[in-house]
Protein backbone atom coordinates (compact mmCIF):
# COMPACT_ATOMS: atom_id res chain seq x y z
CA UNK A 1 -0.01 0.01 0.00
CA UNK A 2 1.42 3.25 -1.01
CA UNK A 3 -0.95 5.60 0.83
CA UNK A 4 -2.15 4.08 4.09
CA UNK A 5 -4.29 7.19 5.00
CA UNK A 6 -6.30 7.09 1.67
CA UNK A 7 -6.83 3.36 1.83
CA UNK A 8 -8.10 3.75 5.44
CA UNK A 9 -10.43 6.64 4.47
CA UNK A 10 -11.72 4.26 1.67
CA UNK A 11 -12.37 1.49 4.07
CA UNK A 12 -14.31 3.80 6.29
CA UNK A 13 -16.23 5.31 3.35
CA UNK A 14 -17.12 1.93 1.93
CA UNK A 15 -18.31 0.65 5.29
CA UNK A 16 -20.60 3.64 5.81
CA UNK A 17 -22.10 3.33 2.22
CA UNK A 18 -22.74 -0.34 3.02
CA UNK A 19 -24.39 0.70 6.30
CA UNK A 20 -22.14 -1.39 8.45
CA UNK A 21 -22.29 -1.10 12.30
CA UNK A 22 -18.43 -1.18 12.49
CA UNK A 23 -15.34 -1.84 10.56
CA UNK A 24 -11.65 -2.70 11.17
CA UNK A 25 -8.82 -0.46 10.01
CA UNK A 26 -5.08 -0.90 10.50
CA UNK A 27 -3.62 0.48 13.65
CA UNK A 28 -1.32 3.49 13.89
CA UNK A 29 -0.95 6.46 16.13
CA UNK A 30 -2.25 8.67 13.33
CA UNK A 31 -5.32 6.60 12.79
CA UNK A 32 -6.00 6.52 16.52
CA UNK A 33 -5.89 10.32 16.52
CA UNK A 34 -8.08 10.62 13.50
CA UNK A 35 -10.54 8.29 15.09
CA UNK A 36 -10.41 10.46 18.33
CA UNK A 37 -11.11 13.53 16.26
CA UNK A 38 -14.09 11.88 14.42
CA UNK A 39 -15.51 10.79 17.77
CA UNK A 40 -15.12 14.15 19.53
CA UNK A 41 -16.94 15.73 16.50
CA UNK A 42 -19.80 13.21 16.53
CA UNK A 43 -18.96 11.40 13.24
CA UNK A 44 -18.46 8.08 14.88
CA UNK A 45 -19.94 6.45 18.06
CA UNK A 46 -16.69 4.98 19.37
CA UNK A 47 -13.54 3.08 18.58
CA UNK A 48 -11.26 0.63 20.28
CA UNK A 49 -7.96 -1.10 19.74
CA UNK A 50 -8.18 -4.86 19.20
CA UNK A 51 -5.68 -7.57 18.71
CA UNK A 52 -6.48 -9.99 15.90
CA UNK A 53 -4.02 -12.96 15.40
CA UNK A 54 -0.99 -10.79 16.43
CA UNK A 55 -1.87 -7.71 14.53
CA UNK A 56 -3.32 -4.56 16.11
CA UNK A 57 -6.37 -3.17 14.50
CA UNK A 58 -8.79 -0.29 15.29
CA UNK A 59 -12.46 -1.19 15.40
CA UNK A 60 -14.61 1.75 14.44
CA UNK A 61 -18.22 1.88 15.44
CA UNK A 62 -20.36 4.19 13.34
CA UNK A 63 -23.02 6.54 14.50
CA UNK A 64 -26.45 6.45 12.83
CA UNK A 65 -29.32 8.88 13.08
CA UNK A 66 -32.65 7.93 11.41
CA UNK A 67 -30.89 5.10 9.67
CA UNK A 68 -28.32 7.40 8.09
CA UNK A 69 -24.72 7.50 9.11
CA UNK A 70 -23.51 10.86 10.53
CA UNK A 71 -20.31 10.54 8.58
CA UNK A 72 -21.39 11.37 5.05
CA UNK A 73 -18.08 11.75 3.38
CA UNK A 74 -14.46 11.34 4.22
CA UNK A 75 -11.84 12.34 1.67
CA UNK A 76 -8.01 12.51 1.35
CA UNK A 77 -6.54 15.90 0.28
CA UNK A 78 -2.80 15.58 0.52
CA UNK A 79 -1.29 12.64 -1.30
CA UNK A 80 2.25 11.17 -1.39
CA UNK A 81 2.75 12.60 -4.97
CA UNK A 82 1.23 16.07 -4.13
CA UNK A 83 1.47 17.19 -0.54
CA UNK A 84 -0.94 20.14 0.25
CA UNK A 85 0.31 22.37 3.05
CA UNK A 86 -1.57 25.38 4.49
CA UNK A 87 -0.37 28.29 6.53
CA UNK A 88 -1.93 29.29 9.83
CA UNK A 89 -3.89 31.99 7.96
CA UNK A 90 -5.06 29.75 5.18
CA UNK A 91 -6.55 26.71 7.11
CA UNK A 92 -9.72 25.91 5.23
CA UNK A 93 -13.21 25.76 6.58
CA UNK A 94 -15.16 22.87 5.23
CA UNK A 95 -18.73 23.51 4.19
CA UNK A 96 -18.78 26.80 6.13
CA UNK A 97 -18.09 25.05 9.38
CA UNK A 98 -20.49 22.13 9.02
CA UNK A 99 -17.57 19.81 8.16
CA UNK A 100 -14.01 19.56 9.43
CA UNK A 101 -10.55 19.49 8.03
CA UNK A 102 -7.87 17.23 9.53
CA UNK A 103 -4.53 18.97 9.68
CA UNK A 104 -1.15 17.44 10.68
CA UNK A 105 0.92 20.12 12.39
CA UNK A 106 4.27 20.17 14.16
CA UNK A 107 2.27 19.87 17.62
CA UNK A 108 0.12 17.03 16.46
CA UNK A 109 -3.00 16.28 14.44
CA UNK A 110 -5.92 18.75 14.86
CA UNK A 111 -9.15 19.82 13.31
CA UNK A 112 -9.27 22.92 11.21
CA UNK A 113 -10.86 24.91 14.17
CA UNK A 114 -8.25 23.77 16.73
CA UNK A 115 -5.37 24.61 14.22
CA UNK A 116 -6.79 28.11 13.85
CA UNK A 117 -7.18 28.53 17.66
CA UNK A 118 -3.55 27.38 18.33
CA UNK A 119 -2.29 29.53 15.29
CA UNK A 120 -0.80 26.48 13.53
CA UNK A 121 -0.46 25.47 9.94
CA UNK A 122 0.58 22.17 8.40
CA UNK A 123 -0.24 19.35 6.03
CA UNK A 124 -3.96 19.06 5.14
CA UNK A 125 -4.63 15.25 5.53
CA UNK A 126 -8.36 15.09 4.72
CA UNK A 127 -11.83 16.58 5.05
CA UNK A 128 -14.90 15.15 6.63
CA UNK A 129 -18.61 16.02 6.46
């Protein structure tokens, strides 16, 4: 796999479109932080680390309201062949604040709102709505 983040976003997107209750994604600190951000912003119900046959995975539990998943879309912005960096003044607002952008900064991974509050720029990993 060349781009683990894009592959993981695709796993999540396909699971929500198939209306699954949960799905398994590969474990990494980045994915754990992204899941934490999604949980804090109400896009997923919960997540937990599981050990399957010696491999660590993250089990993501989706949140549904009126039989519709609250996570409508998750998309990768920065790619290995074309990195997208934003300065502290140009952190984008997704759908006028109804969505979130996930920004990887020198201080950690934050949402667009947190990055603006902390006056940080960085690599724009993805956007969620």
